[in-house]
């Protein structure tokens, strides 16, 4: 259910991105519309123009429901993660509330900040988490897959995401604000360093497996 919901939301996000670019002609037009109308205004403009009043209302409701479901999933996942870290049993309501209420308090404080900035940090952290997960999966496949080189299927996108995540936080306004001439080379070096570490680790795993096979 969790992964299905996240995949569905990803598909919906791609549909909205495609609709925005097609409706305003190009990414430049979409960015200008976002600056002039805001996110909610762009959603309303696209929905009503393409689907009419009734269809637009349904689309807007969908845009509201998806973030609410994402927030619910995020809070639930955070609660379960904290409970796992601290070994807190979640079978009783009181123990669930002991973690949930502070989390909701932190969420309430975050609503007082600039959402655009929070969203950029959230997007970057999502990409960074994807990068870490891909590297972990690559090593797991190197250790357990029938063919160790299956891990390359995860290592290639992991290397790409390493460069993207590192470069973004180095040059973004909410990051270190370095120039492109500095951020891009550092991002490339970081991606290469991660790739070298993976290669060394995977090679050692392969050698151990060959030795054990003999």
N, C-alpha and C. Protein backbone atom coordinates (compact mmCIF):
# COMPACT_ATOMS: atom_id res chain seq x y z
N UNK A 1 0.83 -1.20 0.00
CA UNK A 1 0.00 0.00 0.00
C UNK A 1 0.86 1.26 0.00
N UNK A 2 1.89 1.27 0.86
CA UNK A 2 2.75 2.46 0.98
C UNK A 2 3.44 2.76 -0.35
N UNK A 3 4.10 1.72 -0.93
CA UNK A 3 4.84 1.94 -2.16
C UNK A 3 3.89 2.25 -3.31
N UNK A 4 2.71 1.60 -3.31
CA UNK A 4 1.74 1.89 -4.36
C UNK A 4 1.28 3.33 -4.33
N UNK A 5 1.05 3.86 -3.12
CA UNK A 5 0.62 5.25 -2.99
C UNK A 5 1.71 6.20 -3.46
N UNK A 6 2.96 5.91 -3.09
CA UNK A 6 4.06 6.79 -3.48
C UNK A 6 4.26 6.77 -4.99
N UNK A 7 4.14 5.58 -5.61
CA UNK A 7 4.29 5.48 -7.06
C UNK A 7 3.16 6.24 -7.75
N UNK A 8 1.93 6.09 -7.23
CA UNK A 8 0.80 6.80 -7.82
C UNK A 8 0.99 8.31 -7.73
N UNK A 9 1.48 8.78 -6.59
CA UNK A 9 1.70 10.21 -6.44
C UNK A 9 2.81 10.70 -7.36
N UNK A 10 3.82 9.87 -7.60
CA UNK A 10 4.89 10.24 -8.51
C UNK A 10 4.36 10.38 -9.94
N UNK A 11 3.49 9.45 -10.33
CA UNK A 11 2.89 9.52 -11.67
C UNK A 11 2.04 10.78 -11.80
N UNK A 12 1.26 11.08 -10.77
CA UNK A 12 0.43 12.28 -10.80
C UNK A 12 1.29 13.54 -10.90
N UNK A 13 2.41 13.55 -10.17
CA UNK A 13 3.32 14.70 -10.23
C UNK A 13 3.88 14.87 -11.63
N UNK A 14 4.23 13.76 -12.30
CA UNK A 14 4.74 13.84 -13.66
C UNK A 14 3.66 14.36 -14.62
N UNK A 15 2.42 13.93 -14.40
CA UNK A 15 1.32 14.41 -15.24
C UNK A 15 1.15 15.91 -15.09
N UNK A 16 1.20 16.40 -13.85
CA UNK A 16 1.07 17.83 -13.62
C UNK A 16 2.24 18.61 -14.22
N UNK A 17 3.44 18.04 -14.11
CA UNK A 17 4.60 18.71 -14.70
C UNK A 17 4.46 18.81 -16.22
N UNK A 18 4.02 17.70 -16.84
CA UNK A 18 3.81 17.71 -18.29
C UNK A 18 2.71 18.69 -18.68
N UNK A 19 1.62 18.71 -17.90
CA UNK A 19 0.52 19.63 -18.20
C UNK A 19 0.96 21.08 -18.08
N UNK A 20 1.77 21.37 -17.07
CA UNK A 20 2.24 22.73 -16.88
C UNK A 20 3.12 23.21 -18.02
N UNK A 21 4.04 22.34 -18.45
CA UNK A 21 4.93 22.72 -19.55
C UNK A 21 4.15 22.86 -20.86
N UNK A 22 3.21 21.92 -21.10
CA UNK A 22 2.43 21.98 -22.34
C UNK A 22 1.49 23.19 -22.35
N UNK A 23 0.89 23.48 -21.20
CA UNK A 23 -0.10 24.57 -21.13
C UNK A 23 0.56 25.93 -21.32
N UNK A 24 1.73 26.12 -20.73
CA UNK A 24 2.40 27.42 -20.81
C UNK A 24 3.50 27.47 -21.87
N UNK A 25 3.60 26.42 -22.65
CA UNK A 25 4.49 26.46 -23.81
C UNK A 25 5.89 25.95 -23.58
N UNK A 26 6.46 26.20 -22.40
CA UNK A 26 7.83 25.76 -22.09
C UNK A 26 8.06 25.93 -20.59
N UNK A 27 9.20 25.47 -20.14
CA UNK A 27 9.50 25.60 -18.71
C UNK A 27 9.61 27.06 -18.29
N UNK A 28 10.09 27.91 -19.22
CA UNK A 28 10.18 29.33 -18.89
C UNK A 28 8.81 29.94 -18.64
N UNK A 29 7.84 29.57 -19.48
CA UNK A 29 6.49 30.06 -19.29
C UNK A 29 5.87 29.56 -18.00
N UNK A 30 6.16 28.30 -17.66
CA UNK A 30 5.64 27.74 -16.41
C UNK A 30 6.24 28.45 -15.20
N UNK A 31 7.54 28.71 -15.25
CA UNK A 31 8.19 29.42 -14.15
C UNK A 31 7.63 30.84 -13.99
N UNK A 32 7.36 31.50 -15.11
CA UNK A 32 6.79 32.84 -15.03
C UNK A 32 5.38 32.79 -14.44
N UNK A 33 4.60 31.78 -14.84
CA UNK A 33 3.25 31.64 -14.30
C UNK A 33 3.29 31.36 -12.80
N UNK A 34 4.23 30.55 -12.36
CA UNK A 34 4.37 30.28 -10.93
C UNK A 34 4.72 31.55 -10.17
N UNK A 35 5.57 32.37 -10.78
CA UNK A 35 5.95 33.63 -10.13
C UNK A 35 4.77 34.60 -10.06
N UNK A 36 3.94 34.61 -11.11
CA UNK A 36 2.82 35.56 -11.17
C UNK A 36 1.61 35.07 -10.39
N UNK A 37 1.27 33.79 -10.52
CA UNK A 37 0.02 33.26 -9.95
C UNK A 37 0.23 32.45 -8.69
N UNK A 38 1.43 31.96 -8.48
CA UNK A 38 1.64 31.04 -7.37
C UNK A 38 1.24 29.63 -7.76
N UNK A 39 1.57 28.65 -6.93
CA UNK A 39 1.29 27.26 -7.27
C UNK A 39 -0.21 26.98 -7.36
N UNK A 40 -0.96 27.48 -6.39
CA UNK A 40 -2.40 27.24 -6.41
C UNK A 40 -3.06 27.90 -7.62
N UNK A 41 -2.59 29.09 -7.98
CA UNK A 41 -3.15 29.78 -9.14
C UNK A 41 -2.88 29.04 -10.43
N UNK A 42 -1.68 28.45 -10.55
CA UNK A 42 -1.34 27.69 -11.75
C UNK A 42 -2.22 26.45 -11.85
N UNK A 43 -2.41 25.76 -10.71
CA UNK A 43 -3.28 24.57 -10.70
C UNK A 43 -4.69 24.95 -11.13
N UNK A 44 -5.20 26.02 -10.58
CA UNK A 44 -6.56 26.46 -10.93
C UNK A 44 -6.65 26.83 -12.41
N UNK A 45 -5.66 27.56 -12.90
CA UNK A 45 -5.66 28.01 -14.29
C UNK A 45 -5.67 26.83 -15.25
N UNK A 46 -4.79 25.86 -15.01
CA UNK A 46 -4.71 24.69 -15.90
C UNK A 46 -5.97 23.85 -15.80
N UNK A 47 -6.42 23.60 -14.58
CA UNK A 47 -7.57 22.71 -14.37
C UNK A 47 -8.83 23.24 -15.03
N UNK A 48 -9.14 24.50 -14.76
CA UNK A 48 -10.38 25.09 -15.29
C UNK A 48 -10.31 25.26 -16.80
N UNK A 49 -9.15 25.64 -17.32
CA UNK A 49 -9.02 25.86 -18.77
C UNK A 49 -9.13 24.56 -19.55
N UNK A 50 -8.57 23.47 -19.01
CA UNK A 50 -8.56 22.20 -19.74
C UNK A 50 -9.78 21.33 -19.45
N UNK A 51 -10.31 21.41 -18.23
CA UNK A 51 -11.37 20.48 -17.83
C UNK A 51 -12.71 21.14 -17.54
N UNK A 52 -12.77 22.45 -17.59
CA UNK A 52 -14.01 23.11 -17.24
C UNK A 52 -14.16 23.26 -15.73
N UNK A 53 -15.26 23.83 -15.31
CA UNK A 53 -15.45 24.12 -13.89
C UNK A 53 -15.52 22.84 -13.06
N UNK A 54 -16.34 21.87 -13.51
CA UNK A 54 -16.52 20.63 -12.74
C UNK A 54 -15.23 19.82 -12.71
N UNK A 55 -14.65 19.61 -13.88
CA UNK A 55 -13.40 18.86 -13.93
C UNK A 55 -12.29 19.57 -13.20
N UNK A 56 -12.27 20.90 -13.28
CA UNK A 56 -11.26 21.66 -12.56
C UNK A 56 -11.39 21.50 -11.06
N UNK A 57 -12.64 21.48 -10.58
CA UNK A 57 -12.86 21.29 -9.15
C UNK A 57 -12.35 19.93 -8.70
N UNK A 58 -12.59 18.90 -9.50
CA UNK A 58 -12.11 17.57 -9.16
C UNK A 58 -10.57 17.54 -9.15
N UNK A 59 -9.96 18.20 -10.11
CA UNK A 59 -8.51 18.21 -10.18
C UNK A 59 -7.90 18.93 -8.98
N UNK A 60 -8.50 20.06 -8.61
CA UNK A 60 -8.00 20.81 -7.46
C UNK A 60 -8.13 19.98 -6.19
N UNK A 61 -9.27 19.27 -6.04
CA UNK A 61 -9.46 18.41 -4.88
C UNK A 61 -8.37 17.33 -4.84
N UNK A 62 -8.06 16.79 -6.02
CA UNK A 62 -7.00 15.78 -6.09
C UNK A 62 -5.66 16.34 -5.68
N UNK A 63 -5.38 17.57 -6.07
CA UNK A 63 -4.11 18.20 -5.69
C UNK A 63 -4.04 18.40 -4.18
N UNK A 64 -5.18 18.66 -3.55
CA UNK A 64 -5.20 18.84 -2.10
C UNK A 64 -5.06 17.50 -1.38
N UNK A 65 -5.76 16.47 -1.89
CA UNK A 65 -5.76 15.17 -1.22
C UNK A 65 -4.38 14.53 -1.25
N UNK A 66 -3.68 14.63 -2.36
CA UNK A 66 -2.36 13.97 -2.47
C UNK A 66 -1.35 14.49 -1.44
N UNK A 67 -1.20 15.82 -1.26
CA UNK A 67 -0.29 16.27 -0.21
C UNK A 67 -0.72 15.84 1.19
N UNK A 68 -2.04 15.80 1.42
CA UNK A 68 -2.51 15.36 2.73
C UNK A 68 -2.12 13.91 2.97
N UNK A 69 -2.31 13.06 1.96
CA UNK A 69 -1.93 11.65 2.11
C UNK A 69 -0.42 11.50 2.26
N UNK A 70 0.34 12.35 1.55
CA UNK A 70 1.80 12.31 1.70
C UNK A 70 2.22 12.71 3.11
N UNK A 71 1.56 13.75 3.64
CA UNK A 71 1.87 14.17 5.00
C UNK A 71 1.55 13.10 6.02
N UNK A 72 0.40 12.46 5.85
CA UNK A 72 0.02 11.36 6.74
C UNK A 72 1.06 10.24 6.69
N UNK A 73 1.48 9.88 5.47
CA UNK A 73 2.48 8.83 5.31
C UNK A 73 3.80 9.24 5.94
N UNK A 74 4.19 10.51 5.76
CA UNK A 74 5.46 10.98 6.30
C UNK A 74 5.47 10.94 7.83
N UNK A 75 4.38 11.42 8.46
CA UNK A 75 4.31 11.41 9.92
C UNK A 75 4.28 9.97 10.45
N UNK A 76 3.54 9.10 9.78
CA UNK A 76 3.47 7.72 10.24
C UNK A 76 4.83 7.03 10.10
N UNK A 77 5.51 7.28 8.97
CA UNK A 77 6.83 6.68 8.77
C UNK A 77 7.83 7.21 9.80
N UNK A 78 7.75 8.52 10.08
CA UNK A 78 8.66 9.10 11.08
C UNK A 78 8.41 8.50 12.46
N UNK A 79 7.13 8.33 12.80
CA UNK A 79 6.81 7.74 14.10
C UNK A 79 7.35 6.32 14.22
N UNK A 80 7.16 5.52 13.18
CA UNK A 80 7.63 4.14 13.22
C UNK A 80 9.16 4.07 13.23
N UNK A 81 9.80 5.00 12.52
CA UNK A 81 11.26 5.02 12.50
C UNK A 81 11.82 5.35 13.87
N UNK A 82 11.24 6.39 14.51
CA UNK A 82 11.69 6.78 15.85
C UNK A 82 11.43 5.66 16.84
N UNK A 83 10.26 5.03 16.74
CA UNK A 83 9.94 3.92 17.64
C UNK A 83 10.93 2.78 17.47
N UNK A 84 11.34 2.53 16.23
CA UNK A 84 12.32 1.47 15.98
C UNK A 84 13.68 1.82 16.55
N UNK A 85 14.09 3.07 16.37
CA UNK A 85 15.39 3.51 16.90
C UNK A 85 15.43 3.39 18.42
N UNK A 86 14.36 3.84 19.07
CA UNK A 86 14.33 3.90 20.54
C UNK A 86 13.74 2.64 21.17
N UNK A 87 13.36 1.67 20.33
CA UNK A 87 12.79 0.41 20.82
C UNK A 87 11.55 0.65 21.69
N UNK A 88 10.65 1.51 21.16
CA UNK A 88 9.41 1.82 21.86
C UNK A 88 8.28 1.01 21.24
N UNK A 89 7.64 0.20 22.04
CA UNK A 89 6.53 -0.62 21.57
C UNK A 89 5.36 0.27 21.14
N UNK A 90 4.79 -0.02 19.96
CA UNK A 90 3.72 0.81 19.42
C UNK A 90 2.34 0.14 19.47
N UNK A 91 2.22 -0.89 20.26
CA UNK A 91 0.93 -1.58 20.36
C UNK A 91 -0.09 -0.81 21.19
N UNK A 92 0.38 0.05 22.09
CA UNK A 92 -0.52 0.83 22.94
C UNK A 92 -0.65 2.26 22.42
N UNK A 93 -1.86 2.79 22.54
CA UNK A 93 -2.15 4.14 22.05
C UNK A 93 -1.31 5.19 22.75
N UNK A 94 -1.12 5.05 24.06
CA UNK A 94 -0.37 6.06 24.81
C UNK A 94 1.06 6.18 24.32
N UNK A 95 1.67 5.04 23.96
CA UNK A 95 3.05 5.08 23.48
C UNK A 95 3.12 5.64 22.06
N UNK A 96 2.07 5.40 21.28
CA UNK A 96 2.04 6.01 19.95
C UNK A 96 1.89 7.52 20.04
N UNK A 97 1.04 7.96 20.95
CA UNK A 97 0.84 9.40 21.15
C UNK A 97 2.09 10.08 21.68
N UNK A 98 2.88 9.36 22.48
CA UNK A 98 4.10 9.93 23.05
C UNK A 98 5.09 10.34 21.96
N UNK A 99 5.02 9.67 20.83
CA UNK A 99 5.88 10.04 19.70
C UNK A 99 5.15 10.95 18.73
N UNK A 100 3.86 10.70 18.52
CA UNK A 100 3.09 11.44 17.53
C UNK A 100 2.93 12.91 17.89
N UNK A 101 2.60 13.20 19.15
CA UNK A 101 2.35 14.59 19.54
C UNK A 101 3.57 15.49 19.37
N UNK A 102 4.77 15.08 19.81
CA UNK A 102 5.94 15.93 19.53
C UNK A 102 6.20 16.10 18.04
N UNK A 103 5.96 15.05 17.25
CA UNK A 103 6.15 15.17 15.81
C UNK A 103 5.19 16.19 15.21
N UNK A 104 3.93 16.15 15.65
CA UNK A 104 2.96 17.12 15.16
C UNK A 104 3.34 18.53 15.59
N UNK A 105 3.92 18.66 16.79
CA UNK A 105 4.39 19.96 17.25
C UNK A 105 5.49 20.52 16.37
N UNK A 106 6.43 19.65 15.99
CA UNK A 106 7.50 20.07 15.07
C UNK A 106 6.90 20.46 13.72
N UNK A 107 5.91 19.67 13.25
CA UNK A 107 5.26 20.00 11.99
C UNK A 107 4.55 21.35 12.05
N UNK A 108 3.92 21.65 13.19
CA UNK A 108 3.23 22.94 13.34
C UNK A 108 4.23 24.09 13.29
N UNK A 109 5.40 23.90 13.89
CA UNK A 109 6.43 24.94 13.85
C UNK A 109 6.94 25.16 12.42
N UNK A 110 7.08 24.07 11.67
CA UNK A 110 7.57 24.19 10.30
C UNK A 110 6.60 24.95 9.41
N UNK A 111 5.30 24.90 9.73
CA UNK A 111 4.32 25.63 8.92
C UNK A 111 4.49 27.14 9.04
N UNK A 112 5.23 27.59 10.04
CA UNK A 112 5.44 29.02 10.22
C UNK A 112 6.60 29.54 9.37
N UNK A 113 7.35 28.62 8.75
CA UNK A 113 8.49 28.99 7.93
C UNK A 113 8.06 29.11 6.47
N UNK A 114 8.96 29.61 5.65
CA UNK A 114 8.70 29.75 4.21
C UNK A 114 8.60 28.36 3.59
N UNK A 115 7.41 28.01 3.10
CA UNK A 115 7.19 26.66 2.59
C UNK A 115 8.05 26.37 1.37
N UNK A 116 8.29 27.38 0.53
CA UNK A 116 9.11 27.14 -0.66
C UNK A 116 10.50 26.67 -0.28
N UNK A 117 11.07 27.27 0.77
CA UNK A 117 12.40 26.87 1.22
C UNK A 117 12.36 25.46 1.80
N UNK A 118 11.35 25.18 2.62
CA UNK A 118 11.20 23.84 3.20
C UNK A 118 11.06 22.80 2.10
N UNK A 119 10.27 23.13 1.08
CA UNK A 119 10.04 22.17 0.00
C UNK A 119 11.34 21.88 -0.76
N UNK A 120 12.19 22.90 -0.92
CA UNK A 120 13.46 22.67 -1.62
C UNK A 120 14.36 21.76 -0.80
N UNK A 121 14.39 21.98 0.53
CA UNK A 121 15.16 21.08 1.38
C UNK A 121 14.59 19.66 1.33
N UNK A 122 13.26 19.57 1.33
CA UNK A 122 12.61 18.27 1.27
C UNK A 122 12.95 17.55 -0.03
N UNK A 123 12.91 18.28 -1.14
CA UNK A 123 13.23 17.68 -2.43
C UNK A 123 14.67 17.18 -2.46
N UNK A 124 15.58 18.02 -1.94
CA UNK A 124 16.99 17.62 -1.92
C UNK A 124 17.20 16.40 -1.02
N UNK A 125 16.56 16.38 0.14
CA UNK A 125 16.73 15.24 1.04
C UNK A 125 16.15 13.97 0.43
N UNK A 126 15.06 14.10 -0.34
CA UNK A 126 14.50 12.94 -1.03
C UNK A 126 15.49 12.38 -2.04
N UNK A 127 16.11 13.27 -2.82
CA UNK A 127 17.09 12.82 -3.80
C UNK A 127 18.31 12.20 -3.12
N UNK A 128 18.72 12.78 -2.01
CA UNK A 128 19.87 12.24 -1.28
C UNK A 128 19.53 10.87 -0.70
N UNK A 129 18.31 10.73 -0.19
CA UNK A 129 17.88 9.42 0.32
C UNK A 129 17.86 8.39 -0.80
N UNK A 130 17.39 8.80 -1.98
CA UNK A 130 17.39 7.89 -3.13
C UNK A 130 18.82 7.47 -3.47
N UNK A 131 19.74 8.42 -3.42
CA UNK A 131 21.14 8.12 -3.71
C UNK A 131 21.68 7.08 -2.73
N UNK A 132 21.44 7.29 -1.44
CA UNK A 132 21.93 6.37 -0.41
C UNK A 132 21.31 4.98 -0.58
N UNK A 133 20.01 4.97 -0.86
CA UNK A 133 19.31 3.70 -1.05
C UNK A 133 19.86 2.93 -2.25
N UNK A 134 20.15 3.64 -3.32
CA UNK A 134 20.69 3.00 -4.51
C UNK A 134 22.08 2.41 -4.25
N UNK A 135 22.93 3.14 -3.51
CA UNK A 135 24.25 2.60 -3.19
C UNK A 135 24.13 1.38 -2.28
N UNK A 136 23.23 1.46 -1.30
CA UNK A 136 23.02 0.32 -0.41
C UNK A 136 22.51 -0.89 -1.18
N UNK A 137 21.60 -0.64 -2.12
CA UNK A 137 21.06 -1.73 -2.94
C UNK A 137 22.14 -2.33 -3.84
N UNK A 138 23.03 -1.47 -4.35
CA UNK A 138 24.11 -1.97 -5.20
C UNK A 138 25.01 -2.92 -4.43
N UNK A 139 25.36 -2.55 -3.20
CA UNK A 139 26.21 -3.42 -2.39
C UNK A 139 25.47 -4.70 -2.01
N UNK A 140 24.18 -4.56 -1.71
CA UNK A 140 23.39 -5.74 -1.37
C UNK A 140 23.35 -6.72 -2.54
N UNK A 141 23.14 -6.21 -3.74
CA UNK A 141 23.11 -7.07 -4.91
C UNK A 141 24.48 -7.70 -5.18
N UNK A 142 25.53 -6.93 -4.93
CA UNK A 142 26.87 -7.48 -5.11
C UNK A 142 27.11 -8.65 -4.16
N UNK A 143 26.52 -8.60 -2.98
CA UNK A 143 26.69 -9.66 -2.00
C UNK A 143 25.76 -10.85 -2.22
N UNK A 144 24.54 -10.58 -2.71
CA UNK A 144 23.52 -11.62 -2.69
C UNK A 144 22.96 -12.02 -4.06
N UNK A 145 23.14 -11.21 -5.07
CA UNK A 145 22.57 -11.54 -6.38
C UNK A 145 23.28 -12.73 -7.01
N UNK A 146 22.57 -13.41 -7.90
CA UNK A 146 23.17 -14.56 -8.58
C UNK A 146 24.41 -14.15 -9.36
N UNK A 147 24.35 -12.99 -9.99
CA UNK A 147 25.50 -12.41 -10.68
C UNK A 147 25.85 -11.09 -9.99
N UNK A 148 27.07 -10.96 -9.52
CA UNK A 148 27.42 -9.77 -8.73
C UNK A 148 27.28 -8.49 -9.54
N UNK A 149 27.48 -8.58 -10.87
CA UNK A 149 27.42 -7.37 -11.68
C UNK A 149 26.00 -6.85 -11.85
N UNK A 150 25.00 -7.59 -11.35
CA UNK A 150 23.65 -7.04 -11.32
C UNK A 150 23.61 -5.73 -10.52
N UNK A 151 24.55 -5.62 -9.58
CA UNK A 151 24.58 -4.43 -8.74
C UNK A 151 24.87 -3.17 -9.54
N UNK A 152 25.45 -3.34 -10.73
CA UNK A 152 25.74 -2.17 -11.57
C UNK A 152 24.46 -1.46 -11.96
N UNK A 153 23.36 -2.21 -12.06
CA UNK A 153 22.07 -1.61 -12.41
C UNK A 153 21.64 -0.57 -11.39
N UNK A 154 22.08 -0.72 -10.15
CA UNK A 154 21.82 0.29 -9.12
C UNK A 154 22.96 1.29 -9.01
N UNK A 155 24.17 0.83 -9.29
CA UNK A 155 25.34 1.70 -9.12
C UNK A 155 25.36 2.86 -10.11
N UNK A 156 24.91 2.61 -11.34
CA UNK A 156 24.93 3.67 -12.36
C UNK A 156 24.02 4.85 -11.99
N UNK A 157 22.72 4.60 -11.68
CA UNK A 157 21.89 5.74 -11.24
C UNK A 157 22.34 6.31 -9.91
N UNK A 158 22.95 5.48 -9.06
CA UNK A 158 23.44 5.98 -7.78
C UNK A 158 24.56 6.99 -7.99
N UNK A 159 25.46 6.70 -8.93
CA UNK A 159 26.54 7.63 -9.23
C UNK A 159 26.00 8.94 -9.79
N UNK A 160 25.01 8.83 -10.67
CA UNK A 160 24.38 10.03 -11.24
C UNK A 160 23.73 10.88 -10.15
N UNK A 161 22.96 10.22 -9.27
CA UNK A 161 22.28 10.95 -8.21
C UNK A 161 23.27 11.54 -7.21
N UNK A 162 24.42 10.90 -7.02
CA UNK A 162 25.45 11.44 -6.13
C UNK A 162 25.93 12.78 -6.64
N UNK A 163 26.22 12.83 -7.95
CA UNK A 163 26.66 14.09 -8.54
C UNK A 163 25.59 15.16 -8.49
N UNK A 164 24.34 14.78 -8.76
CA UNK A 164 23.24 15.75 -8.76
C UNK A 164 23.00 16.31 -7.36
N UNK A 165 22.91 15.44 -6.36
CA UNK A 165 22.62 15.88 -5.00
C UNK A 165 23.72 16.76 -4.45
N UNK A 166 24.96 16.36 -4.69
CA UNK A 166 26.09 17.15 -4.18
C UNK A 166 26.16 18.50 -4.86
N UNK A 167 26.03 18.50 -6.19
CA UNK A 167 26.11 19.76 -6.94
C UNK A 167 25.01 20.74 -6.53
N UNK A 168 23.79 20.22 -6.36
CA UNK A 168 22.66 21.09 -6.02
C UNK A 168 22.87 21.81 -4.70
N UNK A 169 23.22 21.06 -3.66
CA UNK A 169 23.33 21.69 -2.34
C UNK A 169 24.52 22.64 -2.27
N UNK A 170 25.50 22.45 -3.15
CA UNK A 170 26.65 23.35 -3.17
C UNK A 170 26.29 24.70 -3.78
N UNK A 171 25.42 24.69 -4.79
CA UNK A 171 25.15 25.93 -5.52
C UNK A 171 23.76 26.53 -5.24
N UNK A 172 22.90 25.81 -4.54
CA UNK A 172 21.54 26.30 -4.28
C UNK A 172 21.54 27.47 -3.30
N UNK A 173 20.48 28.28 -3.36
CA UNK A 173 20.35 29.41 -2.45
C UNK A 173 20.26 28.95 -1.01
N UNK A 174 19.59 27.79 -0.79
CA UNK A 174 19.47 27.26 0.57
C UNK A 174 20.67 26.41 0.95
N UNK A 175 21.65 26.31 0.05
CA UNK A 175 22.87 25.56 0.32
C UNK A 175 24.06 26.48 0.54
N UNK A 176 25.19 26.14 -0.09
CA UNK A 176 26.42 26.91 0.10
C UNK A 176 26.58 28.06 -0.89
N UNK A 177 25.73 28.12 -1.91
CA UNK A 177 25.70 29.21 -2.89
C UNK A 177 27.04 29.39 -3.61
N UNK A 178 27.66 28.29 -3.94
CA UNK A 178 28.91 28.36 -4.70
C UNK A 178 28.60 28.55 -6.18
N UNK A 179 29.56 29.03 -6.92
CA UNK A 179 29.36 29.22 -8.36
C UNK A 179 29.37 27.88 -9.08
N UNK A 180 28.82 27.87 -10.28
CA UNK A 180 28.77 26.63 -11.06
C UNK A 180 30.16 26.11 -11.35
N UNK A 181 31.11 27.01 -11.57
CA UNK A 181 32.48 26.59 -11.90
C UNK A 181 33.13 25.83 -10.75
N UNK A 182 32.61 26.01 -9.54
CA UNK A 182 33.14 25.28 -8.38
C UNK A 182 32.26 24.08 -8.05
N UNK A 183 30.94 24.28 -8.08
CA UNK A 183 30.01 23.23 -7.65
C UNK A 183 30.03 22.02 -8.58
N UNK A 184 30.08 22.27 -9.90
CA UNK A 184 30.05 21.15 -10.84
C UNK A 184 31.27 20.24 -10.71
N UNK A 185 32.49 20.79 -10.66
CA UNK A 185 33.64 19.89 -10.48
C UNK A 185 33.60 19.11 -9.16
N UNK A 186 33.17 19.77 -8.08
CA UNK A 186 33.10 19.07 -6.80
C UNK A 186 32.06 17.96 -6.85
N UNK A 187 30.92 18.24 -7.47
CA UNK A 187 29.90 17.21 -7.62
C UNK A 187 30.39 16.03 -8.43
N UNK A 188 31.15 16.30 -9.50
CA UNK A 188 31.71 15.24 -10.32
C UNK A 188 32.72 14.41 -9.53
N UNK A 189 33.57 15.10 -8.78
CA UNK A 189 34.56 14.39 -7.96
C UNK A 189 33.87 13.53 -6.91
N UNK A 190 32.81 14.05 -6.30
CA UNK A 190 32.07 13.28 -5.29
C UNK A 190 31.47 12.02 -5.91
N UNK A 191 30.87 12.17 -7.09
CA UNK A 191 30.28 11.01 -7.76
C UNK A 191 31.35 9.98 -8.10
N UNK A 192 32.49 10.45 -8.58
CA UNK A 192 33.58 9.53 -8.91
C UNK A 192 34.12 8.84 -7.67
N UNK A 193 34.24 9.59 -6.57
CA UNK A 193 34.73 9.00 -5.32
C UNK A 193 33.79 7.90 -4.82
N UNK A 194 32.47 8.17 -4.89
CA UNK A 194 31.50 7.15 -4.49
C UNK A 194 31.59 5.92 -5.38
N UNK A 195 31.80 6.16 -6.68
CA UNK A 195 31.92 5.05 -7.63
C UNK A 195 33.15 4.21 -7.35
N UNK A 196 34.26 4.88 -7.02
CA UNK A 196 35.49 4.15 -6.70
C UNK A 196 35.31 3.31 -5.44
N UNK A 197 34.68 3.89 -4.41
CA UNK A 197 34.44 3.13 -3.18
C UNK A 197 33.56 1.92 -3.45
N UNK A 198 32.53 2.12 -4.27
CA UNK A 198 31.65 1.00 -4.62
C UNK A 198 32.44 -0.08 -5.37
N UNK A 199 33.26 0.34 -6.33
CA UNK A 199 34.03 -0.61 -7.13
C UNK A 199 34.97 -1.43 -6.25
N UNK A 200 35.64 -0.76 -5.31
CA UNK A 200 36.55 -1.46 -4.40
C UNK A 200 35.78 -2.47 -3.54
N UNK A 201 34.65 -2.02 -2.99
CA UNK A 201 33.85 -2.89 -2.14
C UNK A 201 33.31 -4.08 -2.93
N UNK A 202 32.76 -3.82 -4.12
CA UNK A 202 32.21 -4.90 -4.95
C UNK A 202 33.29 -5.88 -5.37
N UNK A 203 34.48 -5.37 -5.66
CA UNK A 203 35.59 -6.25 -6.05
C UNK A 203 36.00 -7.16 -4.91
N UNK A 204 36.03 -6.62 -3.70
CA UNK A 204 36.37 -7.44 -2.54
C UNK A 204 35.32 -8.53 -2.31
N UNK A 205 34.06 -8.15 -2.50
CA UNK A 205 32.99 -9.13 -2.35
C UNK A 205 33.13 -10.25 -3.38
N UNK A 206 33.42 -9.85 -4.62
CA UNK A 206 33.59 -10.82 -5.69
C UNK A 206 34.75 -11.78 -5.38
N UNK A 207 35.88 -11.21 -4.92
CA UNK A 207 37.04 -12.04 -4.60
C UNK A 207 36.74 -13.02 -3.48
N UNK A 208 36.01 -12.57 -2.45
CA UNK A 208 35.65 -13.47 -1.35
C UNK A 208 34.76 -14.60 -1.84
N UNK A 209 33.83 -14.26 -2.75
CA UNK A 209 32.92 -15.27 -3.27
C UNK A 209 33.68 -16.29 -4.12
N UNK A 210 34.65 -15.81 -4.90
CA UNK A 210 35.44 -16.74 -5.71
C UNK A 210 36.30 -17.65 -4.84
N UNK A 211 36.86 -17.05 -3.76
CA UNK A 211 37.68 -17.83 -2.85
C UNK A 211 36.83 -18.88 -2.12
N UNK A 212 35.64 -18.48 -1.70
CA UNK A 212 34.75 -19.42 -1.02
C UNK A 212 34.28 -20.51 -1.96
N UNK A 213 34.14 -20.19 -3.26
CA UNK A 213 33.70 -21.18 -4.23
C UNK A 213 34.73 -22.26 -4.47
N UNK A 214 36.00 -21.88 -4.35
CA UNK A 214 37.06 -22.88 -4.47
C UNK A 214 37.20 -23.70 -3.20
